[in-house]
N, C-alpha and C. Protein backbone atom coordinates (compact mmCIF):
# COMPACT_ATOMS: atom_id res chain seq x y z
N MET A 1 0.84 -1.18 0.00
CA MET A 1 0.00 0.00 0.00
C MET A 1 0.89 1.25 0.00
N SER A 2 0.50 2.22 -0.74
CA SER A 2 1.24 3.46 -0.89
C SER A 2 1.02 4.38 0.32
N ASP A 3 2.00 5.22 0.61
CA ASP A 3 1.83 6.20 1.68
C ASP A 3 1.23 7.50 1.14
N THR A 4 0.81 7.50 -0.13
CA THR A 4 0.16 8.67 -0.74
C THR A 4 -1.12 8.23 -1.46
N PRO A 5 -2.06 7.65 -0.74
CA PRO A 5 -3.26 7.12 -1.40
C PRO A 5 -4.10 8.18 -2.08
N ASP A 6 -4.14 9.40 -1.52
CA ASP A 6 -4.93 10.46 -2.13
C ASP A 6 -4.37 10.81 -3.51
N THR A 7 -3.05 10.95 -3.58
CA THR A 7 -2.42 11.23 -4.87
C THR A 7 -2.62 10.06 -5.83
N ASP A 8 -2.38 8.86 -5.31
CA ASP A 8 -2.53 7.67 -6.15
C ASP A 8 -3.92 7.58 -6.77
N SER A 9 -4.93 7.98 -6.00
CA SER A 9 -6.29 7.87 -6.52
C SER A 9 -6.59 8.96 -7.55
N ASN A 10 -5.73 9.97 -7.66
CA ASN A 10 -5.93 11.06 -8.62
C ASN A 10 -5.01 10.99 -9.84
N ILE A 11 -4.22 9.94 -9.92
CA ILE A 11 -3.27 9.81 -11.05
C ILE A 11 -3.94 9.11 -12.22
N TRP A 12 -3.61 9.55 -13.40
CA TRP A 12 -3.95 8.81 -14.60
C TRP A 12 -2.78 8.91 -15.55
N SER A 13 -2.74 8.05 -16.49
CA SER A 13 -1.64 8.04 -17.46
C SER A 13 -2.02 8.85 -18.68
N ASP A 14 -1.02 9.49 -19.24
CA ASP A 14 -1.22 10.30 -20.43
C ASP A 14 0.02 10.11 -21.30
N SER A 15 -0.14 10.34 -22.55
CA SER A 15 0.99 10.22 -23.46
C SER A 15 1.34 11.61 -23.98
N CYS A 16 2.61 11.95 -23.86
CA CYS A 16 3.07 13.25 -24.31
C CYS A 16 4.29 13.01 -25.19
N GLU A 17 4.15 13.30 -26.47
CA GLU A 17 5.22 13.09 -27.44
C GLU A 17 5.75 11.65 -27.39
N GLY A 18 4.81 10.72 -27.28
CA GLY A 18 5.16 9.31 -27.30
C GLY A 18 5.68 8.78 -25.97
N ILE A 19 5.72 9.60 -24.95
CA ILE A 19 6.20 9.17 -23.63
C ILE A 19 5.00 9.04 -22.71
N LEU A 20 4.90 7.89 -22.06
CA LEU A 20 3.80 7.64 -21.14
C LEU A 20 4.12 8.34 -19.82
N CYS A 21 3.23 9.22 -19.39
CA CYS A 21 3.43 9.99 -18.15
C CYS A 21 2.26 9.75 -17.20
N LYS A 22 2.55 9.80 -15.93
CA LYS A 22 1.49 9.77 -14.92
C LYS A 22 1.25 11.20 -14.50
N VAL A 23 0.00 11.64 -14.53
CA VAL A 23 -0.34 13.03 -14.25
C VAL A 23 -1.51 13.11 -13.26
N VAL A 24 -1.65 14.29 -12.68
CA VAL A 24 -2.81 14.59 -11.83
C VAL A 24 -3.46 15.84 -12.39
N SER A 25 -4.68 16.07 -11.99
CA SER A 25 -5.40 17.24 -12.50
C SER A 25 -4.80 18.52 -11.91
N ALA A 26 -4.99 19.61 -12.63
CA ALA A 26 -4.53 20.92 -12.14
C ALA A 26 -5.24 21.26 -10.84
N GLU A 27 -6.50 20.92 -10.73
CA GLU A 27 -7.25 21.19 -9.50
C GLU A 27 -6.62 20.47 -8.30
N PHE A 28 -6.25 19.21 -8.50
CA PHE A 28 -5.62 18.45 -7.42
C PHE A 28 -4.26 19.05 -7.07
N ALA A 29 -3.47 19.41 -8.08
CA ALA A 29 -2.16 20.01 -7.84
C ALA A 29 -2.30 21.34 -7.11
N ARG A 30 -3.29 22.14 -7.49
CA ARG A 30 -3.50 23.43 -6.81
C ARG A 30 -3.89 23.23 -5.35
N ARG A 31 -4.74 22.23 -5.10
CA ARG A 31 -5.13 21.93 -3.72
C ARG A 31 -3.90 21.55 -2.90
N LEU A 32 -3.02 20.73 -3.49
CA LEU A 32 -1.80 20.35 -2.78
C LEU A 32 -0.92 21.56 -2.49
N GLU A 33 -0.83 22.47 -3.47
CA GLU A 33 -0.03 23.68 -3.26
C GLU A 33 -0.62 24.53 -2.14
N ARG A 34 -1.95 24.68 -2.12
CA ARG A 34 -2.58 25.47 -1.06
C ARG A 34 -2.33 24.82 0.31
N GLU A 35 -2.47 23.51 0.38
CA GLU A 35 -2.23 22.81 1.63
C GLU A 35 -0.77 22.96 2.07
N ARG A 36 0.15 22.87 1.11
CA ARG A 36 1.57 23.06 1.41
C ARG A 36 1.82 24.47 1.94
N ASP A 37 1.24 25.47 1.26
CA ASP A 37 1.44 26.86 1.68
C ASP A 37 0.85 27.11 3.07
N ASP A 38 -0.32 26.53 3.33
CA ASP A 38 -0.92 26.66 4.66
C ASP A 38 -0.02 26.02 5.72
N ALA A 39 0.52 24.86 5.41
CA ALA A 39 1.42 24.17 6.35
C ALA A 39 2.68 25.00 6.59
N ARG A 40 3.21 25.62 5.54
CA ARG A 40 4.39 26.48 5.70
C ARG A 40 4.07 27.68 6.58
N ASP A 41 2.90 28.29 6.36
CA ASP A 41 2.48 29.42 7.19
C ASP A 41 2.35 29.00 8.66
N ASP A 42 1.72 27.85 8.87
CA ASP A 42 1.58 27.34 10.24
C ASP A 42 2.96 27.10 10.87
N ALA A 43 3.86 26.51 10.11
CA ALA A 43 5.21 26.24 10.61
C ALA A 43 5.94 27.54 10.95
N GLU A 44 5.78 28.55 10.10
CA GLU A 44 6.43 29.84 10.36
C GLU A 44 5.87 30.49 11.62
N GLN A 45 4.54 30.44 11.78
CA GLN A 45 3.92 31.01 12.98
C GLN A 45 4.39 30.28 14.23
N LEU A 46 4.48 28.96 14.14
CA LEU A 46 4.96 28.18 15.29
C LEU A 46 6.42 28.50 15.60
N ALA A 47 7.23 28.65 14.56
CA ALA A 47 8.64 28.99 14.77
C ALA A 47 8.77 30.36 15.41
N ASN A 48 7.97 31.33 14.96
CA ASN A 48 7.99 32.66 15.55
C ASN A 48 7.56 32.63 17.01
N ARG A 49 6.52 31.87 17.29
CA ARG A 49 6.04 31.75 18.67
C ARG A 49 7.10 31.09 19.54
N LEU A 50 7.74 30.06 19.01
CA LEU A 50 8.79 29.38 19.77
C LEU A 50 9.94 30.34 20.06
N THR A 51 10.32 31.15 19.08
CA THR A 51 11.38 32.13 19.28
C THR A 51 10.99 33.11 20.38
N THR A 52 9.74 33.58 20.34
CA THR A 52 9.26 34.49 21.38
C THR A 52 9.31 33.83 22.75
N LEU A 53 8.87 32.59 22.84
CA LEU A 53 8.89 31.87 24.12
C LEU A 53 10.32 31.65 24.60
N GLU A 54 11.23 31.35 23.67
CA GLU A 54 12.63 31.17 24.06
C GLU A 54 13.21 32.47 24.60
N LEU A 55 12.90 33.60 23.94
CA LEU A 55 13.39 34.89 24.41
C LEU A 55 12.81 35.22 25.79
N GLU A 56 11.52 34.96 25.95
CA GLU A 56 10.88 35.23 27.24
C GLU A 56 11.48 34.36 28.34
N SER A 57 11.69 33.07 28.04
CA SER A 57 12.23 32.18 29.06
C SER A 57 13.69 32.51 29.37
N THR A 58 14.44 32.94 28.35
CA THR A 58 15.82 33.35 28.58
C THR A 58 15.86 34.58 29.47
N SER A 59 14.98 35.53 29.21
CA SER A 59 14.89 36.74 30.01
C SER A 59 14.50 36.40 31.45
N GLU A 60 13.53 35.53 31.60
CA GLU A 60 13.08 35.12 32.93
C GLU A 60 14.20 34.39 33.66
N LEU A 61 14.93 33.55 32.96
CA LEU A 61 16.05 32.83 33.57
C LEU A 61 17.11 33.80 34.05
N ALA A 62 17.43 34.79 33.23
CA ALA A 62 18.43 35.80 33.62
C ALA A 62 17.96 36.54 34.87
N LYS A 63 16.68 36.88 34.92
CA LYS A 63 16.13 37.57 36.09
C LYS A 63 16.24 36.69 37.33
N LEU A 64 15.90 35.43 37.20
CA LEU A 64 15.98 34.50 38.34
C LEU A 64 17.42 34.29 38.79
N GLU A 65 18.34 34.21 37.84
CA GLU A 65 19.76 34.06 38.20
C GLU A 65 20.25 35.29 38.95
N CYS A 66 19.81 36.47 38.53
CA CYS A 66 20.19 37.70 39.22
C CYS A 66 19.64 37.70 40.64
N GLU A 67 18.38 37.32 40.80
CA GLU A 67 17.79 37.24 42.14
C GLU A 67 18.53 36.23 43.01
N ARG A 68 18.90 35.09 42.41
CA ARG A 68 19.65 34.07 43.15
C ARG A 68 20.98 34.63 43.62
N ASP A 69 21.69 35.32 42.72
CA ASP A 69 22.99 35.89 43.07
C ASP A 69 22.86 36.94 44.17
N GLU A 70 21.82 37.75 44.09
CA GLU A 70 21.58 38.75 45.13
C GLU A 70 21.30 38.08 46.47
N ALA A 71 20.52 37.00 46.44
CA ALA A 71 20.21 36.26 47.67
C ALA A 71 21.47 35.64 48.25
N ARG A 72 22.34 35.13 47.42
CA ARG A 72 23.60 34.56 47.90
C ARG A 72 24.47 35.64 48.56
N GLU A 73 24.50 36.82 47.95
CA GLU A 73 25.27 37.91 48.53
C GLU A 73 24.68 38.34 49.87
N GLU A 74 23.37 38.37 49.96
CA GLU A 74 22.71 38.72 51.23
C GLU A 74 23.03 37.68 52.29
N ILE A 75 23.05 36.42 51.93
CA ILE A 75 23.40 35.36 52.87
C ILE A 75 24.83 35.56 53.38
N LYS A 76 25.74 35.88 52.47
CA LYS A 76 27.13 36.13 52.88
C LYS A 76 27.19 37.29 53.88
N ARG A 77 26.47 38.39 53.59
CA ARG A 77 26.47 39.54 54.50
C ARG A 77 25.89 39.16 55.86
N LEU A 78 24.81 38.40 55.86
CA LEU A 78 24.19 37.99 57.11
C LEU A 78 25.10 37.06 57.91
N LYS A 79 25.85 36.20 57.23
CA LYS A 79 26.79 35.32 57.93
C LYS A 79 27.89 36.15 58.61
N VAL A 80 28.36 37.19 57.92
CA VAL A 80 29.39 38.06 58.52
C VAL A 80 28.82 38.74 59.77
N ILE A 81 27.60 39.24 59.66
CA ILE A 81 26.96 39.88 60.82
C ILE A 81 26.79 38.89 61.94
N LEU A 82 26.35 37.67 61.61
CA LEU A 82 26.16 36.63 62.62
C LEU A 82 27.48 36.30 63.31
N ASP A 83 28.55 36.21 62.52
CA ASP A 83 29.88 35.93 63.11
C ASP A 83 30.28 37.04 64.07
N LEU A 84 30.01 38.30 63.68
CA LEU A 84 30.34 39.43 64.55
C LEU A 84 29.53 39.38 65.86
N ILE A 85 28.26 39.05 65.75
CA ILE A 85 27.41 38.93 66.93
C ILE A 85 27.92 37.82 67.84
N LYS A 86 28.31 36.68 67.27
CA LYS A 86 28.82 35.56 68.03
C LYS A 86 30.10 35.98 68.78
N LYS A 87 30.96 36.77 68.15
CA LYS A 87 32.18 37.24 68.79
C LYS A 87 31.86 38.15 69.96
N ASP A 88 30.86 39.03 69.78
CA ASP A 88 30.48 39.95 70.84
C ASP A 88 29.88 39.22 72.03
N VAL A 89 29.14 38.16 71.78
CA VAL A 89 28.48 37.40 72.85
C VAL A 89 29.52 36.60 73.62
N SER A 90 30.56 36.12 72.97
CA SER A 90 31.54 35.27 73.65
C SER A 90 32.49 36.02 74.47
């Protein structure tokens, strides 16, 4: 069984300058072109959306990394203060 049954069902043989050719109707070919163009448009829209999502997630990741680094610095400062308090208590 063919993996293109729709095309197979629209093929007929024709002779052109003594050469036997398999052809499809112009209507069928146009439909395939429209479907191809629609699929390309869908793929382009999906690619654009994916790019937008990647940029957004990259931006969000950078923001979260900055917050993490700030929190680490705050922890370091608090540890220094805690060490100073411990020295004063002892």
